[in-house]
Amino acid sequence: MKTILLIAHFIAIATGTGMSIANYINIRIAAGEKGDRQASLVYLRRTLARLADLVIAVMWLTGIGLWWILPEAEQPNSWFILLVVFSVAMTVCHGLARMTAGRMARTGDNSLYPRMELLVSGVWMSALAAIILAVLAFET
């Protein structure tokens, strides 16, 4: 069971990392575009963000599942605690990015692109750290 959960966890982290890097590139390109091109990029970013909601939920569920099945002898180590910290940071950055995107959609305020870029960078940097920390935490 541990191996299956770990595989699902790593797939979710890899998927989330790839999607967040794609969104980062999308934001960089969309910031300089106007009209239909910008609208198309915004639509793509919204679609990826909705999928990212699911991916982050899978990360949390598989991560909690991995923690739940740890034998008593394998209590969480310091790597695991750091993994949780970066997972929380990733989730917070994603949530704030979604809120910022919603505000941009409602108000049409393109001056929020730098904030969005920073938050999405926080998502993928936290996800990369989580990959490293998951390997260290579960000694795979």
N, C-alpha and C. Protein backbone atom coordinates (compact mmCIF):
# COMPACT_ATOMS: atom_id res chain seq x y z
N MET A 1 0.82 -1.19 0.00
CA MET A 1 0.00 0.00 0.00
C MET A 1 0.86 1.26 0.00
N LYS A 2 1.95 1.20 0.77
CA LYS A 2 2.84 2.36 0.85
C LYS A 2 3.39 2.69 -0.53
N THR A 3 3.79 1.69 -1.28
CA THR A 3 4.37 1.92 -2.61
C THR A 3 3.36 2.54 -3.55
N ILE A 4 2.13 2.06 -3.52
CA ILE A 4 1.09 2.60 -4.40
C ILE A 4 0.80 4.06 -4.05
N LEU A 5 0.67 4.34 -2.76
CA LEU A 5 0.44 5.72 -2.34
C LEU A 5 1.61 6.62 -2.70
N LEU A 6 2.82 6.12 -2.54
CA LEU A 6 4.00 6.90 -2.86
C LEU A 6 4.07 7.20 -4.36
N ILE A 7 3.74 6.22 -5.18
CA ILE A 7 3.72 6.44 -6.63
C ILE A 7 2.67 7.50 -6.98
N ALA A 8 1.47 7.37 -6.43
CA ALA A 8 0.41 8.36 -6.69
C ALA A 8 0.82 9.74 -6.21
N HIS A 9 1.49 9.79 -5.07
CA HIS A 9 1.95 11.05 -4.51
C HIS A 9 2.98 11.71 -5.43
N PHE A 10 3.96 10.94 -5.88
CA PHE A 10 4.98 11.50 -6.77
C PHE A 10 4.39 11.92 -8.11
N ILE A 11 3.45 11.15 -8.63
CA ILE A 11 2.81 11.53 -9.90
C ILE A 11 2.06 12.85 -9.72
N ALA A 12 1.34 12.99 -8.61
CA ALA A 12 0.61 14.24 -8.35
C ALA A 12 1.57 15.41 -8.22
N ILE A 13 2.67 15.22 -7.50
CA ILE A 13 3.64 16.31 -7.34
C ILE A 13 4.25 16.67 -8.69
N ALA A 14 4.63 15.67 -9.47
CA ALA A 14 5.22 15.95 -10.79
C ALA A 14 4.22 16.66 -11.70
N THR A 15 2.97 16.21 -11.69
CA THR A 15 1.93 16.84 -12.50
C THR A 15 1.71 18.28 -12.06
N GLY A 16 1.60 18.49 -10.77
CA GLY A 16 1.39 19.84 -10.24
C GLY A 16 2.56 20.76 -10.55
N THR A 17 3.77 20.24 -10.46
CA THR A 17 4.95 21.05 -10.77
C THR A 17 4.94 21.45 -12.24
N GLY A 18 4.69 20.49 -13.11
CA GLY A 18 4.64 20.80 -14.54
C GLY A 18 3.56 21.81 -14.88
N MET A 19 2.39 21.64 -14.27
CA MET A 19 1.29 22.57 -14.53
C MET A 19 1.61 23.97 -14.02
N SER A 20 2.25 24.06 -12.86
CA SER A 20 2.56 25.38 -12.32
C SER A 20 3.64 26.07 -13.14
N ILE A 21 4.60 25.31 -13.65
CA ILE A 21 5.61 25.91 -14.53
C ILE A 21 4.95 26.37 -15.83
N ALA A 22 4.01 25.57 -16.36
CA ALA A 22 3.28 25.98 -17.57
C ALA A 22 2.49 27.26 -17.31
N ASN A 23 1.86 27.35 -16.14
CA ASN A 23 1.12 28.57 -15.81
C ASN A 23 2.05 29.77 -15.66
N TYR A 24 3.22 29.55 -15.10
CA TYR A 24 4.20 30.63 -14.97
C TYR A 24 4.58 31.17 -16.35
N ILE A 25 4.88 30.28 -17.27
CA ILE A 25 5.23 30.69 -18.64
C ILE A 25 4.04 31.40 -19.29
N ASN A 26 2.85 30.86 -19.08
CA ASN A 26 1.64 31.47 -19.61
C ASN A 26 1.49 32.91 -19.12
N ILE A 27 1.69 33.13 -17.83
CA ILE A 27 1.57 34.47 -17.25
C ILE A 27 2.57 35.42 -17.88
N ARG A 28 3.81 34.95 -18.04
CA ARG A 28 4.85 35.80 -18.64
C ARG A 28 4.48 36.20 -20.06
N ILE A 29 3.94 35.26 -20.83
CA ILE A 29 3.56 35.56 -22.22
C ILE A 29 2.32 36.45 -22.25
N ALA A 30 1.31 36.11 -21.44
CA ALA A 30 0.04 36.85 -21.45
C ALA A 30 0.19 38.30 -21.02
N ALA A 31 1.17 38.57 -20.17
CA ALA A 31 1.35 39.95 -19.68
C ALA A 31 1.64 40.91 -20.83
N GLY A 32 2.27 40.44 -21.89
CA GLY A 32 2.61 41.30 -23.02
C GLY A 32 1.63 41.24 -24.17
N GLU A 33 0.57 40.48 -24.02
CA GLU A 33 -0.40 40.31 -25.11
C GLU A 33 -1.64 41.16 -24.88
N LYS A 34 -2.40 41.33 -25.95
CA LYS A 34 -3.66 42.07 -25.89
C LYS A 34 -4.73 41.29 -26.63
N GLY A 35 -5.97 41.62 -26.38
CA GLY A 35 -7.09 41.10 -27.16
C GLY A 35 -7.29 39.61 -27.05
N ASP A 36 -7.56 38.99 -28.21
CA ASP A 36 -7.89 37.56 -28.25
C ASP A 36 -6.76 36.67 -27.77
N ARG A 37 -5.52 37.03 -28.08
CA ARG A 37 -4.39 36.20 -27.63
C ARG A 37 -4.33 36.17 -26.11
N GLN A 38 -4.47 37.33 -25.49
CA GLN A 38 -4.44 37.37 -24.04
C GLN A 38 -5.64 36.61 -23.45
N ALA A 39 -6.81 36.78 -24.04
CA ALA A 39 -8.00 36.08 -23.55
C ALA A 39 -7.84 34.56 -23.65
N SER A 40 -7.22 34.09 -24.73
CA SER A 40 -6.99 32.65 -24.89
C SER A 40 -6.02 32.13 -23.83
N LEU A 41 -4.98 32.89 -23.57
CA LEU A 41 -4.01 32.48 -22.55
C LEU A 41 -4.64 32.48 -21.16
N VAL A 42 -5.49 33.46 -20.89
CA VAL A 42 -6.19 33.52 -19.60
C VAL A 42 -7.10 32.30 -19.45
N TYR A 43 -7.80 31.94 -20.51
CA TYR A 43 -8.68 30.76 -20.48
C TYR A 43 -7.87 29.49 -20.19
N LEU A 44 -6.74 29.35 -20.86
CA LEU A 44 -5.87 28.19 -20.63
C LEU A 44 -5.40 28.16 -19.18
N ARG A 45 -5.01 29.32 -18.66
CA ARG A 45 -4.51 29.40 -17.29
C ARG A 45 -5.62 29.01 -16.30
N ARG A 46 -6.84 29.47 -16.54
CA ARG A 46 -7.96 29.11 -15.66
C ARG A 46 -8.22 27.61 -15.69
N THR A 47 -8.15 27.02 -16.87
CA THR A 47 -8.37 25.58 -17.00
C THR A 47 -7.30 24.81 -16.24
N LEU A 48 -6.04 25.20 -16.41
CA LEU A 48 -4.96 24.53 -15.68
C LEU A 48 -5.12 24.72 -14.17
N ALA A 49 -5.56 25.90 -13.76
CA ALA A 49 -5.72 26.16 -12.33
C ALA A 49 -6.81 25.28 -11.72
N ARG A 50 -7.90 25.06 -12.46
CA ARG A 50 -8.95 24.17 -11.96
C ARG A 50 -8.43 22.73 -11.83
N LEU A 51 -7.64 22.30 -12.80
CA LEU A 51 -7.03 20.97 -12.70
C LEU A 51 -6.05 20.92 -11.53
N ALA A 52 -5.34 22.02 -11.31
CA ALA A 52 -4.38 22.08 -10.21
C ALA A 52 -5.08 21.94 -8.86
N ASP A 53 -6.31 22.43 -8.76
CA ASP A 53 -7.07 22.23 -7.51
C ASP A 53 -7.18 20.74 -7.20
N LEU A 54 -7.51 19.96 -8.21
CA LEU A 54 -7.63 18.51 -8.04
C LEU A 54 -6.28 17.87 -7.71
N VAL A 55 -5.24 18.30 -8.41
CA VAL A 55 -3.91 17.74 -8.19
C VAL A 55 -3.44 18.01 -6.77
N ILE A 56 -3.67 19.22 -6.28
CA ILE A 56 -3.26 19.56 -4.91
C ILE A 56 -4.05 18.72 -3.91
N ALA A 57 -5.33 18.51 -4.17
CA ALA A 57 -6.13 17.65 -3.29
C ALA A 57 -5.57 16.23 -3.26
N VAL A 58 -5.18 15.70 -4.43
CA VAL A 58 -4.58 14.36 -4.49
C VAL A 58 -3.26 14.33 -3.73
N MET A 59 -2.45 15.39 -3.87
CA MET A 59 -1.18 15.45 -3.12
C MET A 59 -1.44 15.34 -1.62
N TRP A 60 -2.41 16.13 -1.13
CA TRP A 60 -2.71 16.11 0.29
C TRP A 60 -3.27 14.76 0.73
N LEU A 61 -4.20 14.21 -0.05
CA LEU A 61 -4.80 12.92 0.33
C LEU A 61 -3.77 11.80 0.36
N THR A 62 -2.92 11.73 -0.66
CA THR A 62 -1.90 10.67 -0.68
C THR A 62 -0.84 10.92 0.39
N GLY A 63 -0.51 12.18 0.63
CA GLY A 63 0.45 12.50 1.68
C GLY A 63 -0.06 12.11 3.06
N ILE A 64 -1.32 12.44 3.32
CA ILE A 64 -1.93 12.05 4.60
C ILE A 64 -2.03 10.53 4.69
N GLY A 65 -2.37 9.89 3.58
CA GLY A 65 -2.42 8.43 3.56
C GLY A 65 -1.06 7.81 3.88
N LEU A 66 0.00 8.38 3.32
CA LEU A 66 1.35 7.87 3.61
C LEU A 66 1.68 8.04 5.08
N TRP A 67 1.34 9.18 5.63
CA TRP A 67 1.61 9.42 7.04
C TRP A 67 0.80 8.45 7.91
N TRP A 68 -0.44 8.21 7.52
CA TRP A 68 -1.34 7.35 8.30
C TRP A 68 -0.84 5.91 8.38
N ILE A 69 -0.22 5.41 7.30
CA ILE A 69 0.19 4.00 7.30
C ILE A 69 1.62 3.79 7.80
N LEU A 70 2.28 4.85 8.25
CA LEU A 70 3.62 4.67 8.80
C LEU A 70 3.58 3.77 10.03
N PRO A 71 4.44 2.78 10.09
CA PRO A 71 4.52 1.97 11.32
C PRO A 71 5.04 2.84 12.47
N GLU A 72 4.78 2.40 13.68
CA GLU A 72 5.21 3.15 14.86
C GLU A 72 6.71 3.43 14.84
N ALA A 73 7.49 2.50 14.32
CA ALA A 73 8.95 2.66 14.30
C ALA A 73 9.38 3.75 13.33
N GLU A 74 8.53 4.12 12.40
CA GLU A 74 8.88 5.11 11.39
C GLU A 74 8.08 6.40 11.58
N GLN A 75 8.17 6.97 12.75
CA GLN A 75 7.46 8.22 12.99
C GLN A 75 8.06 9.31 12.09
N PRO A 76 7.27 10.32 11.76
CA PRO A 76 7.75 11.37 10.86
C PRO A 76 9.07 11.98 11.34
N ASN A 77 9.98 12.13 10.39
CA ASN A 77 11.27 12.72 10.70
C ASN A 77 11.26 14.21 10.35
N SER A 78 12.40 14.87 10.52
CA SER A 78 12.46 16.31 10.25
C SER A 78 12.22 16.62 8.78
N TRP A 79 12.60 15.71 7.88
CA TRP A 79 12.34 15.93 6.45
C TRP A 79 10.84 15.96 6.19
N PHE A 80 10.11 15.11 6.89
CA PHE A 80 8.67 15.07 6.73
C PHE A 80 8.03 16.37 7.19
N ILE A 81 8.52 16.90 8.30
CA ILE A 81 7.99 18.18 8.81
C ILE A 81 8.25 19.29 7.80
N LEU A 82 9.45 19.33 7.23
CA LEU A 82 9.74 20.32 6.18
C LEU A 82 8.87 20.10 4.95
N LEU A 83 8.62 18.86 4.61
CA LEU A 83 7.73 18.54 3.49
C LEU A 83 6.35 19.14 3.73
N VAL A 84 5.84 18.99 4.94
CA VAL A 84 4.53 19.56 5.26
C VAL A 84 4.56 21.08 5.17
N VAL A 85 5.64 21.70 5.65
CA VAL A 85 5.77 23.16 5.57
C VAL A 85 5.72 23.63 4.12
N PHE A 86 6.48 22.97 3.24
CA PHE A 86 6.49 23.37 1.83
C PHE A 86 5.17 23.03 1.14
N SER A 87 4.51 21.98 1.58
CA SER A 87 3.20 21.64 1.02
C SER A 87 2.16 22.70 1.40
N VAL A 88 2.24 23.17 2.63
CA VAL A 88 1.34 24.26 3.06
C VAL A 88 1.65 25.52 2.26
N ALA A 89 2.94 25.84 2.09
CA ALA A 89 3.33 27.02 1.31
C ALA A 89 2.81 26.91 -0.12
N MET A 90 2.95 25.74 -0.72
CA MET A 90 2.46 25.52 -2.09
C MET A 90 0.95 25.74 -2.16
N THR A 91 0.23 25.19 -1.19
CA THR A 91 -1.22 25.31 -1.17
C THR A 91 -1.65 26.76 -0.97
N VAL A 92 -0.99 27.47 -0.07
CA VAL A 92 -1.30 28.88 0.17
C VAL A 92 -1.02 29.72 -1.08
N CYS A 93 0.13 29.51 -1.70
CA CYS A 93 0.46 30.25 -2.92
C CYS A 93 -0.56 29.97 -4.02
N HIS A 94 -0.97 28.71 -4.15
CA HIS A 94 -1.97 28.36 -5.16
C HIS A 94 -3.30 29.06 -4.87
N GLY A 95 -3.72 29.02 -3.62
CA GLY A 95 -4.97 29.68 -3.24
C GLY A 95 -4.93 31.18 -3.49
N LEU A 96 -3.82 31.81 -3.12
CA LEU A 96 -3.68 33.25 -3.35
C LEU A 96 -3.62 33.58 -4.84
N ALA A 97 -2.97 32.71 -5.61
CA ALA A 97 -2.93 32.92 -7.06
C ALA A 97 -4.33 32.81 -7.66
N ARG A 98 -5.11 31.85 -7.18
CA ARG A 98 -6.50 31.70 -7.66
C ARG A 98 -7.32 32.93 -7.30
N MET A 99 -7.13 33.46 -6.09
CA MET A 99 -7.85 34.67 -5.68
C MET A 99 -7.44 35.86 -6.52
N THR A 100 -6.15 35.98 -6.78
CA THR A 100 -5.65 37.08 -7.61
C THR A 100 -6.19 36.97 -9.03
N ALA A 101 -6.22 35.77 -9.57
CA ALA A 101 -6.76 35.57 -10.92
C ALA A 101 -8.24 35.94 -10.96
N GLY A 102 -8.97 35.58 -9.93
CA GLY A 102 -10.38 35.95 -9.86
C GLY A 102 -10.57 37.45 -9.82
N ARG A 103 -9.73 38.10 -9.06
CA ARG A 103 -9.79 39.58 -8.98
C ARG A 103 -9.45 40.20 -10.33
N MET A 104 -8.44 39.64 -11.00
CA MET A 104 -8.08 40.14 -12.33
C MET A 104 -9.24 39.97 -13.31
N ALA A 105 -9.93 38.83 -13.22
CA ALA A 105 -11.05 38.56 -14.13
C ALA A 105 -12.22 39.50 -13.86
N ARG A 106 -12.48 39.77 -12.57
CA ARG A 106 -13.60 40.65 -12.22
C ARG A 106 -13.34 42.10 -12.57
N THR A 107 -12.11 42.55 -12.32
CA THR A 107 -11.81 43.98 -12.46
C THR A 107 -11.09 44.33 -13.75
N GLY A 108 -10.50 43.34 -14.41
CA GLY A 108 -9.70 43.62 -15.61
C GLY A 108 -8.39 44.32 -15.28
N ASP A 109 -7.94 44.21 -14.03
CA ASP A 109 -6.73 44.89 -13.56
C ASP A 109 -5.49 44.08 -13.94
N ASN A 110 -4.87 44.44 -15.05
CA ASN A 110 -3.66 43.74 -15.51
C ASN A 110 -2.42 44.11 -14.71
N SER A 111 -2.52 45.09 -13.82
CA SER A 111 -1.37 45.44 -13.00
C SER A 111 -1.07 44.35 -11.96
N LEU A 112 -1.97 43.37 -11.84
CA LEU A 112 -1.76 42.28 -10.88
C LEU A 112 -0.91 41.15 -11.46
N TYR A 113 -0.49 41.27 -12.73
CA TYR A 113 0.33 40.21 -13.32
C TYR A 113 1.61 39.93 -12.52
N PRO A 114 2.35 40.97 -12.04
CA PRO A 114 3.56 40.66 -11.26
C PRO A 114 3.26 39.86 -9.99
N ARG A 115 2.17 40.19 -9.32
CA ARG A 115 1.80 39.44 -8.11
C ARG A 115 1.48 37.99 -8.47
N MET A 116 0.74 37.83 -9.56
CA MET A 116 0.38 36.49 -10.02
C MET A 116 1.64 35.69 -10.36
N GLU A 117 2.58 36.33 -11.02
CA GLU A 117 3.84 35.67 -11.38
C GLU A 117 4.59 35.21 -10.13
N LEU A 118 4.63 36.06 -9.12
CA LEU A 118 5.30 35.73 -7.87
C LEU A 118 4.62 34.54 -7.17
N LEU A 119 3.31 34.57 -7.12
CA LEU A 119 2.58 33.48 -6.45
C LEU A 119 2.73 32.15 -7.18
N VAL A 120 2.66 32.18 -8.50
CA VAL A 120 2.82 30.93 -9.26
C VAL A 120 4.25 30.42 -9.13
N SER A 121 5.22 31.33 -9.06
CA SER A 121 6.60 30.91 -8.79
C SER A 121 6.69 30.23 -7.43
N GLY A 122 5.97 30.76 -6.46
CA GLY A 122 5.93 30.14 -5.14
C GLY A 122 5.37 28.74 -5.19
N VAL A 123 4.37 28.53 -6.05
CA VAL A 123 3.78 27.19 -6.19
C VAL A 123 4.81 26.21 -6.72
N TRP A 124 5.45 26.56 -7.85
CA TRP A 124 6.34 25.55 -8.44
C TRP A 124 7.64 25.39 -7.67
N MET A 125 8.12 26.45 -7.02
CA MET A 125 9.33 26.28 -6.19
C MET A 125 9.02 25.41 -4.97
N SER A 126 7.86 25.62 -4.37
CA SER A 126 7.46 24.78 -3.23
C SER A 126 7.26 23.34 -3.66
N ALA A 127 6.70 23.14 -4.85
CA ALA A 127 6.49 21.78 -5.35
C ALA A 127 7.82 21.09 -5.62
N LEU A 128 8.78 21.82 -6.17
CA LEU A 128 10.11 21.23 -6.39
C LEU A 128 10.75 20.84 -5.06
N ALA A 129 10.63 21.72 -4.07
CA ALA A 129 11.16 21.40 -2.74
C ALA A 129 10.44 20.18 -2.17
N ALA A 130 9.14 20.09 -2.40
CA ALA A 130 8.37 18.95 -1.89
C ALA A 130 8.82 17.64 -2.51
N ILE A 131 9.19 17.66 -3.79
CA ILE A 131 9.69 16.44 -4.43
C ILE A 131 10.95 15.96 -3.72
N ILE A 132 11.88 16.86 -3.51
CA ILE A 132 13.14 16.52 -2.84
C ILE A 132 12.87 16.03 -1.42
N LEU A 133 12.03 16.76 -0.69
CA LEU A 133 11.75 16.41 0.69
C LEU A 133 10.97 15.11 0.83
N ALA A 134 10.10 14.81 -0.14
CA ALA A 134 9.36 13.54 -0.09
C ALA A 134 10.32 12.36 -0.23
N VAL A 135 11.30 12.50 -1.11
CA VAL A 135 12.29 11.44 -1.28
C VAL A 135 13.07 11.26 0.02
N LEU A 136 13.49 12.36 0.63
CA LEU A 136 14.25 12.28 1.88
C LEU A 136 13.38 11.77 3.03
N ALA A 137 12.14 12.22 3.09
CA ALA A 137 11.26 11.85 4.21
C ALA A 137 10.91 10.37 4.20
N PHE A 138 10.71 9.82 3.02
CA PHE A 138 10.28 8.42 2.94
C PHE A 138 11.41 7.48 2.52
N GLU A 139 12.62 8.01 2.45
CA GLU A 139 13.83 7.22 2.20
C GLU A 139 13.66 6.26 1.04
N THR A 140 13.23 6.82 -0.11
CA THR A 140 13.04 5.96 -1.28
C THR A 140 14.26 5.99 -2.16
